[in-house]
């Protein structure tokens, strides 16, 4: 029997976003784009990562500090995997 990967509705939103943005995105960017809570996005992404539907890597990027001054920040970049790109809701039924 084939393994079935169940993905929540919010997880499906994340997969859809990453399929369209194959270079990946930070969790907060994904959350904002999909209308999700930025504080809860990692709870949505972790099951996707655990099922190898998305990958992640730590990246450095230019941001602003609380006073608006430029600063180098570190964050987690999430990206779609081959398995995630092939996943469809129909395949999960």
C-alpha atoms as a PDB file:
ATOM      1  CA  UNK A   1       0.000   0.000   0.000  1.00  0.00           C
ATOM      2  CA  UNK A   2       1.220   3.472  -0.891  1.00  0.00           C
ATOM      3  CA  UNK A   3       2.070   5.938   1.888  1.00  0.00           C
ATOM      4  CA  UNK A   4      -0.451   8.779   1.998  1.00  0.00           C
ATOM      5  CA  UNK A   5       0.716  12.168   3.240  1.00  0.00           C
ATOM      6  CA  UNK A   6      -2.093  14.154   4.805  1.00  0.00           C
ATOM      7  CA  UNK A   7      -1.691  17.933   4.592  1.00  0.00           C
ATOM      8  CA  UNK A   8      -3.808  20.459   6.499  1.00  0.00           C
ATOM      9  CA  UNK A   9      -5.667  23.242   4.703  1.00  0.00           C
ATOM     10  CA  UNK A  10      -3.053  25.748   5.898  1.00  0.00           C
ATOM     11  CA  UNK A  11      -0.300  23.373   4.820  1.00  0.00           C
ATOM     12  CA  UNK A  12      -1.849  23.278   1.357  1.00  0.00           C
ATOM     13  CA  UNK A  13      -1.712  27.091   1.250  1.00  0.00           C
ATOM     14  CA  UNK A  14       1.994  26.965   2.082  1.00  0.00           C
ATOM     15  CA  UNK A  15       2.675  24.307  -0.565  1.00  0.00           C
ATOM     16  CA  UNK A  16       0.770  26.319  -3.171  1.00  0.00           C
ATOM     17  CA  UNK A  17       2.817  29.416  -2.361  1.00  0.00           C
ATOM     18  CA  UNK A  18       6.131  27.558  -2.514  1.00  0.00           C
ATOM     19  CA  UNK A  19       5.189  25.880  -5.800  1.00  0.00           C
ATOM     20  CA  UNK A  20       4.788  29.379  -7.266  1.00  0.00           C
ATOM     21  CA  UNK A  21       7.917  30.742  -5.529  1.00  0.00           C
ATOM     22  CA  UNK A  22      10.461  28.002  -6.196  1.00  0.00           C
ATOM     23  CA  UNK A  23      13.388  30.059  -4.869  1.00  0.00           C
ATOM     24  CA  UNK A  24      11.799  29.806  -1.419  1.00  0.00           C
ATOM     25  CA  UNK A  25      10.720  32.346   1.156  1.00  0.00           C
ATOM     26  CA  UNK A  26      11.011  33.197   4.823  1.00  0.00           C
ATOM     27  CA  UNK A  27       8.213  31.946   7.054  1.00  0.00           C
ATOM     28  CA  UNK A  28       6.909  35.460   7.761  1.00  0.00           C
ATOM     29  CA  UNK A  29       6.736  36.214   4.024  1.00  0.00           C
ATOM     30  CA  UNK A  30       4.785  33.001   3.370  1.00  0.00           C
ATOM     31  CA  UNK A  31       2.417  33.762   6.246  1.00  0.00           C
ATOM     32  CA  UNK A  32       1.703  37.300   5.069  1.00  0.00           C
ATOM     33  CA  UNK A  33       1.191  36.229   1.458  1.00  0.00           C
ATOM     34  CA  UNK A  34      -1.257  33.488   2.445  1.00  0.00           C
ATOM     35  CA  UNK A  35      -3.098  35.377   5.189  1.00  0.00           C
ATOM     36  CA  UNK A  36      -1.731  33.185   7.985  1.00  0.00           C
ATOM     37  CA  UNK A  37      -0.479  34.131  11.454  1.00  0.00           C
ATOM     38  CA  UNK A  38       3.272  34.778  11.251  1.00  0.00           C
ATOM     39  CA  UNK A  39       3.753  33.499  14.811  1.00  0.00           C
ATOM     40  CA  UNK A  40       2.052  30.199  13.967  1.00  0.00           C
ATOM     41  CA  UNK A  41       3.542  29.591  10.525  1.00  0.00           C
ATOM     42  CA  UNK A  42       6.293  27.306  11.805  1.00  0.00           C
ATOM     43  CA  UNK A  43       3.668  24.984  13.274  1.00  0.00           C
ATOM     44  CA  UNK A  44       2.148  24.752   9.797  1.00  0.00           C
ATOM     45  CA  UNK A  45       5.501  24.222   8.061  1.00  0.00           C
ATOM     46  CA  UNK A  46       7.038  21.677  10.479  1.00  0.00           C
ATOM     47  CA  UNK A  47       4.770  18.776   9.417  1.00  0.00           C
ATOM     48  CA  UNK A  48       5.542  19.618   5.775  1.00  0.00           C
ATOM     49  CA  UNK A  49       9.256  19.524   6.566  1.00  0.00           C
ATOM     50  CA  UNK A  50       8.938  16.282   8.553  1.00  0.00           C
ATOM     51  CA  UNK A  51       7.188  14.680   5.552  1.00  0.00           C
ATOM     52  CA  UNK A  52       9.908  16.014   3.210  1.00  0.00           C
ATOM     53  CA  UNK A  53       7.455  18.176   1.249  1.00  0.00           C
ATOM     54  CA  UNK A  54       9.497  21.307   2.022  1.00  0.00           C
ATOM     55  CA  UNK A  55      13.135  21.874   2.858  1.00  0.00           C
ATOM     56  CA  UNK A  56      14.733  24.602   4.882  1.00  0.00           C
ATOM     57  CA  UNK A  57      18.046  26.342   5.277  1.00  0.00           C
ATOM     58  CA  UNK A  58      19.374  29.148   7.450  1.00  0.00           C
ATOM     59  CA  UNK A  59      20.137  32.282   5.442  1.00  0.00           C
ATOM     60  CA  UNK A  60      21.452  35.770   6.147  1.00  0.00           C
ATOM     61  CA  UNK A  61      19.593  38.727   4.684  1.00  0.00           C
ATOM     62  CA  UNK A  62      19.477  42.498   4.950  1.00  0.00           C
ATOM     63  CA  UNK A  63      16.800  43.841   7.273  1.00  0.00           C
ATOM     64  CA  UNK A  64      16.119  46.752   9.584  1.00  0.00           C
ATOM     65  CA  UNK A  65      16.540  46.989  13.342  1.00  0.00           C
ATOM     66  CA  UNK A  66      13.885  48.475  15.640  1.00  0.00           C
ATOM     67  CA  UNK A  67      15.178  51.982  14.861  1.00  0.00           C
ATOM     68  CA  UNK A  68      15.048  51.451  11.100  1.00  0.00           C
ATOM     69  CA  UNK A  69      18.806  51.117  10.629  1.00  0.00           C
ATOM     70  CA  UNK A  70      20.083  48.492   8.165  1.00  0.00           C
ATOM     71  CA  UNK A  71      21.277  45.296   9.815  1.00  0.00           C
ATOM     72  CA  UNK A  72      22.166  41.769   8.744  1.00  0.00           C
ATOM     73  CA  UNK A  73      19.608  39.248  10.004  1.00  0.00           C
ATOM     74  CA  UNK A  74      19.386  35.479  10.019  1.00  0.00           C
ATOM     75  CA  UNK A  75      16.266  33.489   9.210  1.00  0.00           C
ATOM     76  CA  UNK A  76      14.955  30.211   7.874  1.00  0.00           C
ATOM     77  CA  UNK A  77      14.317  29.998   4.157  1.00  0.00           C
ATOM     78  CA  UNK A  78      11.701  27.384   3.226  1.00  0.00           C
ATOM     79  CA  UNK A  79      11.577  25.854  -0.252  1.00  0.00           C
ATOM     80  CA  UNK A  80       9.568  23.220  -2.101  1.00  0.00           C
ATOM     81  CA  UNK A  81      11.116  19.759  -2.576  1.00  0.00           C
ATOM     82  CA  UNK A  82      10.514  17.434  -5.515  1.00  0.00           C
ATOM     83  CA  UNK A  83       8.116  15.442  -3.334  1.00  0.00           C
ATOM     84  CA  UNK A  84       6.281  18.636  -2.353  1.00  0.00           C
ATOM     85  CA  UNK A  85       6.075  19.803  -5.958  1.00  0.00           C
ATOM     86  CA  UNK A  86       4.516  16.458  -6.936  1.00  0.00           C
ATOM     87  CA  UNK A  87       2.045  16.374  -4.021  1.00  0.00           C
ATOM     88  CA  UNK A  88      -1.590  17.084  -4.884  1.00  0.00           C
ATOM     89  CA  UNK A  89      -4.738  16.843  -2.753  1.00  0.00           C
ATOM     90  CA  UNK A  90      -6.095  14.218  -5.153  1.00  0.00           C
ATOM     91  CA  UNK A  91      -3.031  12.046  -4.498  1.00  0.00           C
ATOM     92  CA  UNK A  92      -3.794  12.176  -0.776  1.00  0.00           C
ATOM     93  CA  UNK A  93      -7.282  10.674  -1.099  1.00  0.00           C
END
